[in-house]
Amino acid sequence: MAVYTLPELPYDYAALEPHISAKIMELHHDKHHKAYVDGANTALEKLQAARDADDFANVNKLEKDLAFNLGGHTNHTVFWNNLSGDGGGEPEGELQAAIGEFFGDFAKFKAHFTANATGIQGSGWSVLAWDSIAARLNVFQLFDQQGNVPVGAHPILMLDMWEHAFYLDYLNVKADYVKAFWNIVNWQDAQARFDAAKAQTAGLITR
């Protein structure tokens, strides 16, 4: 059976300092992300066992376990690549133009995304996504690891707002963590995700 695997970080643990410490990156990747990968694989194993035994009494719980853990895996995989020690600044090209079209300008988008992130109640993510239905960019809050995700949304930029992502560095001051995030955004990765999402949308529309 195919399984999920923990991807390597695309940089050293300390590559994002001083904005995110090496200690957080090590714990976040090696412990938290790995736990989601292990949890997703365990859910798959139990679902296979349920099919083999024709016993689906726990199917609701197992499907929720898979959704939560797989969400944690995929969200973090996007997040690591959304960050770079050489990041920051503003996007360029088509992504910059799209942000201007749908949010007014980059400053307005940044204010919206920041308010979205700091306003999350409990644990979750702030997400800039391409809506393949309306062919536009949207910002939304993702609850926990999988809740409140619109169907057809392709993540472009994600910010982890779970406490484990920032507490060792910023304690409970979420605003400082979000402010630091803008210094390490990998806009090249976001642009690549934007290009791929738009291409997929075009393919869906022509079918």
C-alpha atoms as a PDB file:
ATOM      1  CA  MET A   1       0.000   0.000   0.000  1.00  0.00           C
ATOM      2  CA  ALA A   2       1.304   3.433  -0.927  1.00  0.00           C
ATOM      3  CA  VAL A   3       2.012   5.564   2.123  1.00  0.00           C
ATOM      4  CA  TYR A   4       2.721   9.188   2.907  1.00  0.00           C
ATOM      5  CA  THR A   5       6.291  10.219   3.705  1.00  0.00           C
ATOM      6  CA  LEU A   6       7.802  13.150   5.565  1.00  0.00           C
ATOM      7  CA  PRO A   7       9.476  15.497   3.064  1.00  0.00           C
ATOM      8  CA  GLU A   8      12.861  16.991   3.802  1.00  0.00           C
ATOM      9  CA  LEU A   9      12.978  20.678   4.621  1.00  0.00           C
ATOM     10  CA  PRO A  10      14.207  22.643   1.575  1.00  0.00           C
ATOM     11  CA  TYR A  11      16.707  24.495   3.830  1.00  0.00           C
ATOM     12  CA  ASP A  12      18.568  24.143   7.136  1.00  0.00           C
ATOM     13  CA  TYR A  13      16.728  24.493  10.432  1.00  0.00           C
ATOM     14  CA  ALA A  14      18.413  27.858  11.050  1.00  0.00           C
ATOM     15  CA  ALA A  15      17.793  29.248   7.559  1.00  0.00           C
ATOM     16  CA  LEU A  16      14.809  31.361   8.640  1.00  0.00           C
ATOM     17  CA  GLU A  17      16.436  32.986  11.673  1.00  0.00           C
ATOM     18  CA  PRO A  18      15.933  35.466  13.262  1.00  0.00           C
ATOM     19  CA  HIS A  19      12.298  35.323  12.139  1.00  0.00           C
ATOM     20  CA  ILE A  20      11.746  31.656  13.054  1.00  0.00           C
ATOM     21  CA  SER A  21      14.304  29.911  15.247  1.00  0.00           C
ATOM     22  CA  ALA A  22      16.101  26.688  14.393  1.00  0.00           C
ATOM     23  CA  LYS A  23      14.628  25.128  17.545  1.00  0.00           C
ATOM     24  CA  ILE A  24      11.082  25.736  16.379  1.00  0.00           C
ATOM     25  CA  MET A  25      11.835  24.502  12.879  1.00  0.00           C
ATOM     26  CA  GLU A  26      13.355  21.273  14.194  1.00  0.00           C
ATOM     27  CA  LEU A  27      10.446  20.546  16.523  1.00  0.00           C
ATOM     28  CA  HIS A  28       7.839  21.681  14.019  1.00  0.00           C
ATOM     29  CA  HIS A  29       9.159  19.548  11.155  1.00  0.00           C
ATOM     30  CA  ASP A  30      10.631  16.510  12.897  1.00  0.00           C
ATOM     31  CA  LYS A  31       7.943  16.092  15.563  1.00  0.00           C
ATOM     32  CA  HIS A  32       4.695  17.814  14.586  1.00  0.00           C
ATOM     33  CA  HIS A  33       4.773  17.241  10.843  1.00  0.00           C
ATOM     34  CA  LYS A  34       5.994  13.672  11.299  1.00  0.00           C
ATOM     35  CA  ALA A  35       3.100  12.986  13.669  1.00  0.00           C
ATOM     36  CA  TYR A  36       0.627  14.005  10.954  1.00  0.00           C
ATOM     37  CA  VAL A  37       2.327  11.737   8.406  1.00  0.00           C
ATOM     38  CA  ASP A  38       2.251   8.821  10.848  1.00  0.00           C
ATOM     39  CA  GLY A  39      -1.373   9.550  11.727  1.00  0.00           C
ATOM     40  CA  ALA A  40      -2.450   9.595   8.076  1.00  0.00           C
ATOM     41  CA  ASN A  41      -0.727   6.290   7.398  1.00  0.00           C
ATOM     42  CA  THR A  42      -2.280   4.718  10.497  1.00  0.00           C
ATOM     43  CA  ALA A  43      -5.737   5.818   9.355  1.00  0.00           C
ATOM     44  CA  LEU A  44      -5.122   4.291   5.921  1.00  0.00           C
ATOM     45  CA  GLU A  45      -4.052   1.002   7.493  1.00  0.00           C
ATOM     46  CA  LYS A  46      -7.155   0.873   9.675  1.00  0.00           C
ATOM     47  CA  LEU A  47      -9.424   1.709   6.740  1.00  0.00           C
ATOM     48  CA  GLN A  48      -7.860  -1.125   4.730  1.00  0.00           C
ATOM     49  CA  ALA A  49      -8.386  -3.497   7.658  1.00  0.00           C
ATOM     50  CA  ALA A  50     -12.017  -2.387   7.868  1.00  0.00           C
ATOM     51  CA  ARG A  51     -12.537  -3.118   4.163  1.00  0.00           C
ATOM     52  CA  ASP A  52     -10.885  -6.534   4.489  1.00  0.00           C
ATOM     53  CA  ALA A  53     -13.084  -7.419   7.472  1.00  0.00           C
ATOM     54  CA  ASP A  54     -16.202  -5.806   5.995  1.00  0.00           C
ATOM     55  CA  ASP A  55     -16.520  -3.975   9.312  1.00  0.00           C
ATOM     56  CA  PHE A  56     -17.203  -0.264   8.927  1.00  0.00           C
ATOM     57  CA  ALA A  57     -18.434   0.473  12.436  1.00  0.00           C
ATOM     58  CA  ASN A  58     -15.615   3.013  12.914  1.00  0.00           C
ATOM     59  CA  VAL A  59     -15.552   4.422   9.392  1.00  0.00           C
ATOM     60  CA  ASN A  60     -16.692   7.903  10.470  1.00  0.00           C
ATOM     61  CA  LYS A  61     -13.887   8.221  13.032  1.00  0.00           C
ATOM     62  CA  LEU A  62     -11.278   6.809  10.665  1.00  0.00           C
ATOM     63  CA  GLU A  63     -12.256   9.156   7.846  1.00  0.00           C
ATOM     64  CA  LYS A  64     -12.030  12.115  10.234  1.00  0.00           C
ATOM     65  CA  ASP A  65      -8.631  10.889  11.438  1.00  0.00           C
ATOM     66  CA  LEU A  66      -7.431  10.674   7.843  1.00  0.00           C
ATOM     67  CA  ALA A  67      -8.763  14.131   6.957  1.00  0.00           C
ATOM     68  CA  PHE A  68      -7.158  15.779   9.996  1.00  0.00           C
ATOM     69  CA  ASN A  69      -3.759  14.132   9.664  1.00  0.00           C
ATOM     70  CA  LEU A  70      -3.584  14.356   5.886  1.00  0.00           C
ATOM     71  CA  GLY A  71      -4.505  18.020   6.192  1.00  0.00           C
ATOM     72  CA  GLY A  72      -1.633  18.508   8.623  1.00  0.00           C
ATOM     73  CA  HIS A  73       0.750  16.796   6.215  1.00  0.00           C
ATOM     74  CA  THR A  74      -0.264  18.687   3.090  1.00  0.00           C
ATOM     75  CA  ASN A  75      -0.548  22.061   4.841  1.00  0.00           C
ATOM     76  CA  HIS A  76       2.946  21.815   6.281  1.00  0.00           C
ATOM     77  CA  THR A  77       4.392  20.631   2.978  1.00  0.00           C
ATOM     78  CA  VAL A  78       3.070  23.792   1.314  1.00  0.00           C
ATOM     79  CA  PHE A  79       4.156  25.947   4.268  1.00  0.00           C
ATOM     80  CA  TRP A  80       7.809  24.860   4.256  1.00  0.00           C
ATOM     81  CA  ASN A  81       8.132  25.730   0.583  1.00  0.00           C
ATOM     82  CA  ASN A  82       6.287  29.023   1.054  1.00  0.00           C
ATOM     83  CA  LEU A  83       9.208  30.153   3.253  1.00  0.00           C
ATOM     84  CA  SER A  84      12.766  31.146   2.398  1.00  0.00           C
ATOM     85  CA  GLY A  85      15.662  32.795   4.158  1.00  0.00           C
ATOM     86  CA  ASP A  86      16.002  34.913   1.020  1.00  0.00           C
ATOM     87  CA  GLY A  87      12.300  35.762   0.926  1.00  0.00           C
ATOM     88  CA  GLY A  88      10.299  38.835   1.741  1.00  0.00           C
ATOM     89  CA  GLY A  89       9.395  41.860  -0.296  1.00  0.00           C
ATOM     90  CA  GLU A  90       6.470  41.685  -2.684  1.00  0.00           C
ATOM     91  CA  PRO A  91       5.397  39.338  -5.482  1.00  0.00           C
ATOM     92  CA  GLU A  92       6.079  40.212  -9.073  1.00  0.00           C
ATOM     93  CA  GLY A  93       4.554  39.467 -12.441  1.00  0.00           C
ATOM     94  CA  GLU A  94       1.182  37.774 -12.801  1.00  0.00           C
ATOM     95  CA  LEU A  95       0.722  37.085  -9.085  1.00  0.00           C
ATOM     96  CA  GLN A  96       1.339  40.740  -8.292  1.00  0.00           C
ATOM     97  CA  ALA A  97      -1.190  41.732 -10.954  1.00  0.00           C
ATOM     98  CA  ALA A  98      -3.781  39.269  -9.631  1.00  0.00           C
ATOM     99  CA  ILE A  99      -3.361  40.522  -6.066  1.00  0.00           C
ATOM    100  CA  GLY A 100      -3.923  44.042  -7.368  1.00  0.00           C
ATOM    101  CA  GLU A 101      -7.010  42.928  -9.297  1.00  0.00           C
ATOM    102  CA  PHE A 102      -8.699  41.080  -6.447  1.00  0.00           C
ATOM    103  CA  PHE A 103      -7.505  43.016  -3.376  1.00  0.00           C
ATOM    104  CA  GLY A 104      -6.787  46.525  -4.672  1.00  0.00           C
ATOM    105  CA  ASP A 105      -3.022  46.490  -4.117  1.00  0.00           C
ATOM    106  CA  PHE A 106      -0.397  44.571  -2.157  1.00  0.00           C
ATOM    107  CA  ALA A 107      -0.740  46.746   0.954  1.00  0.00           C
ATOM    108  CA  LYS A 108      -4.474  46.020   1.145  1.00  0.00           C
ATOM    109  CA  PHE A 109      -3.897  42.311   0.600  1.00  0.00           C
ATOM    110  CA  LYS A 110      -1.207  42.240   3.309  1.00  0.00           C
ATOM    111  CA  ALA A 111      -3.524  43.990   5.769  1.00  0.00           C
ATOM    112  CA  HIS A 112      -6.351  41.563   4.936  1.00  0.00           C
ATOM    113  CA  PHE A 113      -4.163  38.456   5.249  1.00  0.00           C
ATOM    114  CA  THR A 114      -2.636  39.731   8.511  1.00  0.00           C
ATOM    115  CA  ALA A 115      -6.048  40.425  10.064  1.00  0.00           C
ATOM    116  CA  ASN A 116      -7.242  37.028   8.856  1.00  0.00           C
ATOM    117  CA  ALA A 117      -4.281  35.285  10.516  1.00  0.00           C
ATOM    118  CA  THR A 118      -4.359  37.108  13.842  1.00  0.00           C
ATOM    119  CA  GLY A 119      -8.135  36.764  14.054  1.00  0.00           C
ATOM    120  CA  ILE A 120      -8.212  32.967  13.988  1.00  0.00           C
ATOM    121  CA  GLN A 121      -9.930  31.641  17.096  1.00  0.00           C
ATOM    122  CA  GLY A 122      -8.036  28.607  18.337  1.00  0.00           C
ATOM    123  CA  SER A 123      -5.805  26.686  15.948  1.00  0.00           C
ATOM    124  CA  GLY A 124      -5.691  27.033  12.188  1.00  0.00           C
ATOM    125  CA  TRP A 125      -4.120  28.587   9.127  1.00  0.00           C
ATOM    126  CA  SER A 126      -4.410  31.749   7.094  1.00  0.00           C
ATOM    127  CA  VAL A 127      -4.606  30.919   3.386  1.00  0.00           C
ATOM    128  CA  LEU A 128      -4.372  32.777   0.093  1.00  0.00           C
ATOM    129  CA  ALA A 129      -5.932  30.442  -2.447  1.00  0.00           C
ATOM    130  CA  TRP A 130      -6.950  30.357  -6.085  1.00  0.00           C
ATOM    131  CA  ASP A 131     -10.650  29.624  -6.429  1.00  0.00           C
ATOM    132  CA  SER A 132     -10.935  27.386  -9.488  1.00  0.00           C
ATOM    133  CA  ILE A 133     -14.710  27.913  -9.652  1.00  0.00           C
ATOM    134  CA  ALA A 134     -14.785  31.717  -9.895  1.00  0.00           C
ATOM    135  CA  ALA A 135     -11.194  31.974 -11.227  1.00  0.00           C
ATOM    136  CA  ARG A 136     -10.083  34.435  -8.577  1.00  0.00           C
ATOM    137  CA  LEU A 137      -7.909  34.777  -5.482  1.00  0.00           C
ATOM    138  CA  ASN A 138      -9.510  34.532  -2.036  1.00  0.00           C
ATOM    139  CA  VAL A 139      -8.232  34.686   1.541  1.00  0.00           C
ATOM    140  CA  PHE A 140      -9.809  32.394   4.125  1.00  0.00           C
ATOM    141  CA  GLN A 141      -9.237  30.918   7.574  1.00  0.00           C
ATOM    142  CA  LEU A 142      -8.628  27.180   7.740  1.00  0.00           C
ATOM    143  CA  PHE A 143      -9.726  25.716  11.084  1.00  0.00           C
ATOM    144  CA  ASP A 144      -7.510  23.067  12.707  1.00  0.00           C
ATOM    145  CA  GLN A 145      -5.954  21.236   9.721  1.00  0.00           C
ATOM    146  CA  GLN A 146      -8.901  20.732   7.396  1.00  0.00           C
ATOM    147  CA  GLY A 147     -12.047  22.611   8.437  1.00  0.00           C
ATOM    148  CA  ASN A 148     -13.664  25.425   6.442  1.00  0.00           C
ATOM    149  CA  VAL A 149     -11.774  24.722   3.199  1.00  0.00           C
ATOM    150  CA  PRO A 150     -13.832  25.709   0.140  1.00  0.00           C
ATOM    151  CA  VAL A 151     -14.055  23.031  -2.539  1.00  0.00           C
ATOM    152  CA  GLY A 152     -11.939  23.977  -5.542  1.00  0.00           C
ATOM    153  CA  ALA A 153      -9.470  26.105  -3.544  1.00  0.00           C
ATOM    154  CA  HIS A 154      -5.798  25.715  -4.488  1.00  0.00           C
ATOM    155  CA  PRO A 155      -3.394  27.020  -1.806  1.00  0.00           C
ATOM    156  CA  ILE A 156      -0.956  29.687  -2.957  1.00  0.00           C
ATOM    157  CA  LEU A 157       0.326  31.007   0.379  1.00  0.00           C
ATOM    158  CA  MET A 158      -0.252  29.464   3.814  1.00  0.00           C
ATOM    159  CA  LEU A 159       0.652  30.637   7.314  1.00  0.00           C
ATOM    160  CA  ASP A 160       0.531  28.189  10.229  1.00  0.00           C
ATOM    161  CA  MET A 161      -1.229  29.828  13.182  1.00  0.00           C
ATOM    162  CA  TRP A 162      -1.088  26.867  15.560  1.00  0.00           C
ATOM    163  CA  GLU A 163       0.746  27.834  18.756  1.00  0.00           C
ATOM    164  CA  HIS A 164       3.450  25.247  18.143  1.00  0.00           C
ATOM    165  CA  ALA A 165       4.506  27.278  15.092  1.00  0.00           C
ATOM    166  CA  PHE A 166       5.483  30.392  17.053  1.00  0.00           C
ATOM    167  CA  TYR A 167       5.141  30.087  20.832  1.00  0.00           C
ATOM    168  CA  LEU A 168       8.810  29.417  21.644  1.00  0.00           C
ATOM    169  CA  ASP A 169       9.812  32.581  19.778  1.00  0.00           C
ATOM    170  CA  TYR A 170       6.862  34.938  20.214  1.00  0.00           C
ATOM    171  CA  LEU A 171       4.922  33.567  23.193  1.00  0.00           C
ATOM    172  CA  ASN A 172       1.312  34.692  22.802  1.00  0.00           C
ATOM    173  CA  VAL A 173       2.046  37.766  20.642  1.00  0.00           C
ATOM    174  CA  LYS A 174       0.685  36.429  17.372  1.00  0.00           C
ATOM    175  CA  ALA A 175       0.948  39.821  15.669  1.00  0.00           C
ATOM    176  CA  ASP A 176       4.750  39.819  15.965  1.00  0.00           C
ATOM    177  CA  TYR A 177       4.927  36.342  14.439  1.00  0.00           C
ATOM    178  CA  VAL A 178       2.775  37.393  11.494  1.00  0.00           C
ATOM    179  CA  LYS A 179       4.868  40.537  11.031  1.00  0.00           C
ATOM    180  CA  ALA A 180       8.028  38.410  10.932  1.00  0.00           C
ATOM    181  CA  PHE A 181       6.407  36.043   8.407  1.00  0.00           C
ATOM    182  CA  TRP A 182       6.377  38.731   5.717  1.00  0.00           C
ATOM    183  CA  ASN A 183      10.192  38.833   5.823  1.00  0.00           C
ATOM    184  CA  ILE A 184      10.507  35.182   4.771  1.00  0.00           C
ATOM    185  CA  VAL A 185       7.706  34.666   2.244  1.00  0.00           C
ATOM    186  CA  ASN A 186       8.982  32.783  -0.799  1.00  0.00           C
ATOM    187  CA  TRP A 187       7.111  34.627  -3.541  1.00  0.00           C
ATOM    188  CA  GLN A 188       8.745  32.504  -6.240  1.00  0.00           C
ATOM    189  CA  ASP A 189       7.110  29.414  -4.755  1.00  0.00           C
ATOM    190  CA  ALA A 190       3.794  31.240  -4.435  1.00  0.00           C
ATOM    191  CA  GLN A 191       4.050  32.289  -8.100  1.00  0.00           C
ATOM    192  CA  ALA A 192       4.689  28.691  -9.179  1.00  0.00           C
ATOM    193  CA  ARG A 193       1.636  27.526  -7.223  1.00  0.00           C
ATOM    194  CA  PHE A 194      -0.423  30.335  -8.752  1.00  0.00           C
ATOM    195  CA  ASP A 195       0.663  29.360 -12.280  1.00  0.00           C
ATOM    196  CA  ALA A 196      -0.159  25.690 -11.678  1.00  0.00           C
ATOM    197  CA  ALA A 197      -3.563  26.487 -10.156  1.00  0.00           C
ATOM    198  CA  LYS A 198      -4.540  28.743 -13.049  1.00  0.00           C
ATOM    199  CA  ALA A 199      -3.447  26.113 -15.573  1.00  0.00           C
ATOM    200  CA  GLN A 200      -5.574  23.489 -13.841  1.00  0.00           C
ATOM    201  CA  THR A 201      -8.542  25.843 -13.842  1.00  0.00           C
ATOM    202  CA  ALA A 202      -8.172  26.374 -17.569  1.00  0.00           C
ATOM    203  CA  GLY A 203      -8.188  22.603 -18.095  1.00  0.00           C
ATOM    204  CA  LEU A 204     -11.341  22.167 -16.015  1.00  0.00           C
ATOM    205  CA  ILE A 205     -13.193  24.942 -17.824  1.00  0.00           C
ATOM    206  CA  THR A 206     -12.516  23.468 -21.260  1.00  0.00           C
ATOM    207  CA  ARG A 207     -13.936  20.057 -20.325  1.00  0.00           C
END
